[in-house]
């Protein structure tokens, strides 16, 4: 849970936002790590969206019509 709080706090800092410690602790306790192997999809067009994803390491490439349109690196989020 502490590492999750650091990820969330770093994202908030990059976004220029602040969050009180209680809210940070509550939200970070609900983060669920997910490891995605290279070449696998995280989400696809048309999927129901109910999650937010943080890129903690590696690169996430976004495709539209099988063409890469965006590269998300450590510190980025989507969803």
C-alpha atoms as a PDB file:
ATOM      1  CA  UNK A   1       0.000   0.000   0.000  1.00  0.00           C
ATOM      2  CA  UNK A   2       2.830   2.463   0.680  1.00  0.00           C
ATOM      3  CA  UNK A   3       4.187   2.065  -2.863  1.00  0.00           C
ATOM      4  CA  UNK A   4       0.681   2.696  -4.193  1.00  0.00           C
ATOM      5  CA  UNK A   5       0.498   5.918  -2.198  1.00  0.00           C
ATOM      6  CA  UNK A   6       3.811   7.013  -3.720  1.00  0.00           C
ATOM      7  CA  UNK A   7       2.529   6.317  -7.253  1.00  0.00           C
ATOM      8  CA  UNK A   8      -0.638   8.312  -6.614  1.00  0.00           C
ATOM      9  CA  UNK A   9       1.213  11.152  -4.891  1.00  0.00           C
ATOM     10  CA  UNK A  10       3.722  11.383  -7.768  1.00  0.00           C
ATOM     11  CA  UNK A  11       0.932  11.511 -10.329  1.00  0.00           C
ATOM     12  CA  UNK A  12      -0.859  14.235  -8.380  1.00  0.00           C
ATOM     13  CA  UNK A  13       2.383  16.215  -8.197  1.00  0.00           C
ATOM     14  CA  UNK A  14       3.022  15.892 -11.952  1.00  0.00           C
ATOM     15  CA  UNK A  15      -0.560  17.032 -12.599  1.00  0.00           C
ATOM     16  CA  UNK A  16      -0.025  20.040 -10.319  1.00  0.00           C
ATOM     17  CA  UNK A  17      -2.624  18.811  -7.842  1.00  0.00           C
ATOM     18  CA  UNK A  18      -2.546  18.255  -4.109  1.00  0.00           C
ATOM     19  CA  UNK A  19      -4.448  15.830  -1.924  1.00  0.00           C
ATOM     20  CA  UNK A  20      -4.824  15.613   1.837  1.00  0.00           C
ATOM     21  CA  UNK A  21      -3.206  12.608   3.518  1.00  0.00           C
ATOM     22  CA  UNK A  22      -6.493  10.935   4.484  1.00  0.00           C
ATOM     23  CA  UNK A  23      -7.816  10.976   0.909  1.00  0.00           C
ATOM     24  CA  UNK A  24      -4.422   9.863  -0.433  1.00  0.00           C
ATOM     25  CA  UNK A  25      -4.400   6.918   1.980  1.00  0.00           C
ATOM     26  CA  UNK A  26      -8.000   5.966   1.147  1.00  0.00           C
ATOM     27  CA  UNK A  27      -7.522   6.088  -2.613  1.00  0.00           C
ATOM     28  CA  UNK A  28      -4.148   4.345  -2.615  1.00  0.00           C
ATOM     29  CA  UNK A  29      -5.551   1.505  -0.503  1.00  0.00           C
ATOM     30  CA  UNK A  30      -7.956   0.803  -3.364  1.00  0.00           C
ATOM     31  CA  UNK A  31      -5.346   0.736  -6.148  1.00  0.00           C
ATOM     32  CA  UNK A  32      -4.837  -2.743  -7.575  1.00  0.00           C
ATOM     33  CA  UNK A  33      -1.534  -3.416  -9.336  1.00  0.00           C
ATOM     34  CA  UNK A  34      -1.813  -4.939 -12.781  1.00  0.00           C
ATOM     35  CA  UNK A  35       1.114  -6.222 -14.826  1.00  0.00           C
ATOM     36  CA  UNK A  36       0.596  -6.295 -18.581  1.00  0.00           C
ATOM     37  CA  UNK A  37       2.974  -8.289 -20.757  1.00  0.00           C
ATOM     38  CA  UNK A  38       4.410  -6.690 -23.891  1.00  0.00           C
ATOM     39  CA  UNK A  39       2.081  -7.041 -26.850  1.00  0.00           C
ATOM     40  CA  UNK A  40      -1.065  -7.439 -24.721  1.00  0.00           C
ATOM     41  CA  UNK A  41      -4.015  -5.047 -24.617  1.00  0.00           C
ATOM     42  CA  UNK A  42      -4.993  -3.152 -21.475  1.00  0.00           C
ATOM     43  CA  UNK A  43      -8.303  -1.927 -22.900  1.00  0.00           C
ATOM     44  CA  UNK A  44      -9.922  -1.903 -26.312  1.00  0.00           C
ATOM     45  CA  UNK A  45     -12.276   0.495 -28.026  1.00  0.00           C
ATOM     46  CA  UNK A  46     -15.810  -0.231 -26.872  1.00  0.00           C
ATOM     47  CA  UNK A  47     -14.768  -1.691 -23.490  1.00  0.00           C
ATOM     48  CA  UNK A  48     -16.757  -0.385 -20.540  1.00  0.00           C
ATOM     49  CA  UNK A  49     -14.516   2.011 -18.638  1.00  0.00           C
ATOM     50  CA  UNK A  50     -14.495   1.763 -14.868  1.00  0.00           C
ATOM     51  CA  UNK A  51     -10.773   1.939 -14.116  1.00  0.00           C
ATOM     52  CA  UNK A  52      -7.873   4.345 -14.222  1.00  0.00           C
ATOM     53  CA  UNK A  53      -4.414   3.072 -15.131  1.00  0.00           C
ATOM     54  CA  UNK A  54      -1.048   4.506 -14.089  1.00  0.00           C
ATOM     55  CA  UNK A  55       2.082   3.686 -16.076  1.00  0.00           C
ATOM     56  CA  UNK A  56       4.606   2.825 -13.355  1.00  0.00           C
ATOM     57  CA  UNK A  57       7.258   1.349 -15.619  1.00  0.00           C
ATOM     58  CA  UNK A  58       7.714   0.516 -19.268  1.00  0.00           C
ATOM     59  CA  UNK A  59       5.742   2.036 -22.125  1.00  0.00           C
ATOM     60  CA  UNK A  60       2.094   1.782 -23.113  1.00  0.00           C
ATOM     61  CA  UNK A  61       1.403   2.365 -26.796  1.00  0.00           C
ATOM     62  CA  UNK A  62      -2.068   3.507 -27.870  1.00  0.00           C
ATOM     63  CA  UNK A  63      -3.349   2.347 -31.258  1.00  0.00           C
ATOM     64  CA  UNK A  64      -6.207   3.540 -33.448  1.00  0.00           C
ATOM     65  CA  UNK A  65      -7.013   1.369 -36.473  1.00  0.00           C
ATOM     66  CA  UNK A  66      -3.831  -0.636 -35.802  1.00  0.00           C
ATOM     67  CA  UNK A  67      -1.682   2.514 -36.058  1.00  0.00           C
ATOM     68  CA  UNK A  68       0.280   3.788 -33.034  1.00  0.00           C
ATOM     69  CA  UNK A  69      -0.949   7.269 -32.070  1.00  0.00           C
ATOM     70  CA  UNK A  70       0.477   7.807 -28.563  1.00  0.00           C
ATOM     71  CA  UNK A  71       3.243   6.472 -26.313  1.00  0.00           C
ATOM     72  CA  UNK A  72       2.562   6.688 -22.590  1.00  0.00           C
ATOM     73  CA  UNK A  73       5.595   6.444 -20.310  1.00  0.00           C
ATOM     74  CA  UNK A  74       6.206   6.289 -16.560  1.00  0.00           C
ATOM     75  CA  UNK A  75       4.063   8.910 -14.817  1.00  0.00           C
ATOM     76  CA  UNK A  76       1.272   8.869 -17.409  1.00  0.00           C
ATOM     77  CA  UNK A  77      -2.248   7.706 -16.722  1.00  0.00           C
ATOM     78  CA  UNK A  78      -5.313   6.847 -18.756  1.00  0.00           C
ATOM     79  CA  UNK A  79      -8.792   5.477 -18.314  1.00  0.00           C
END
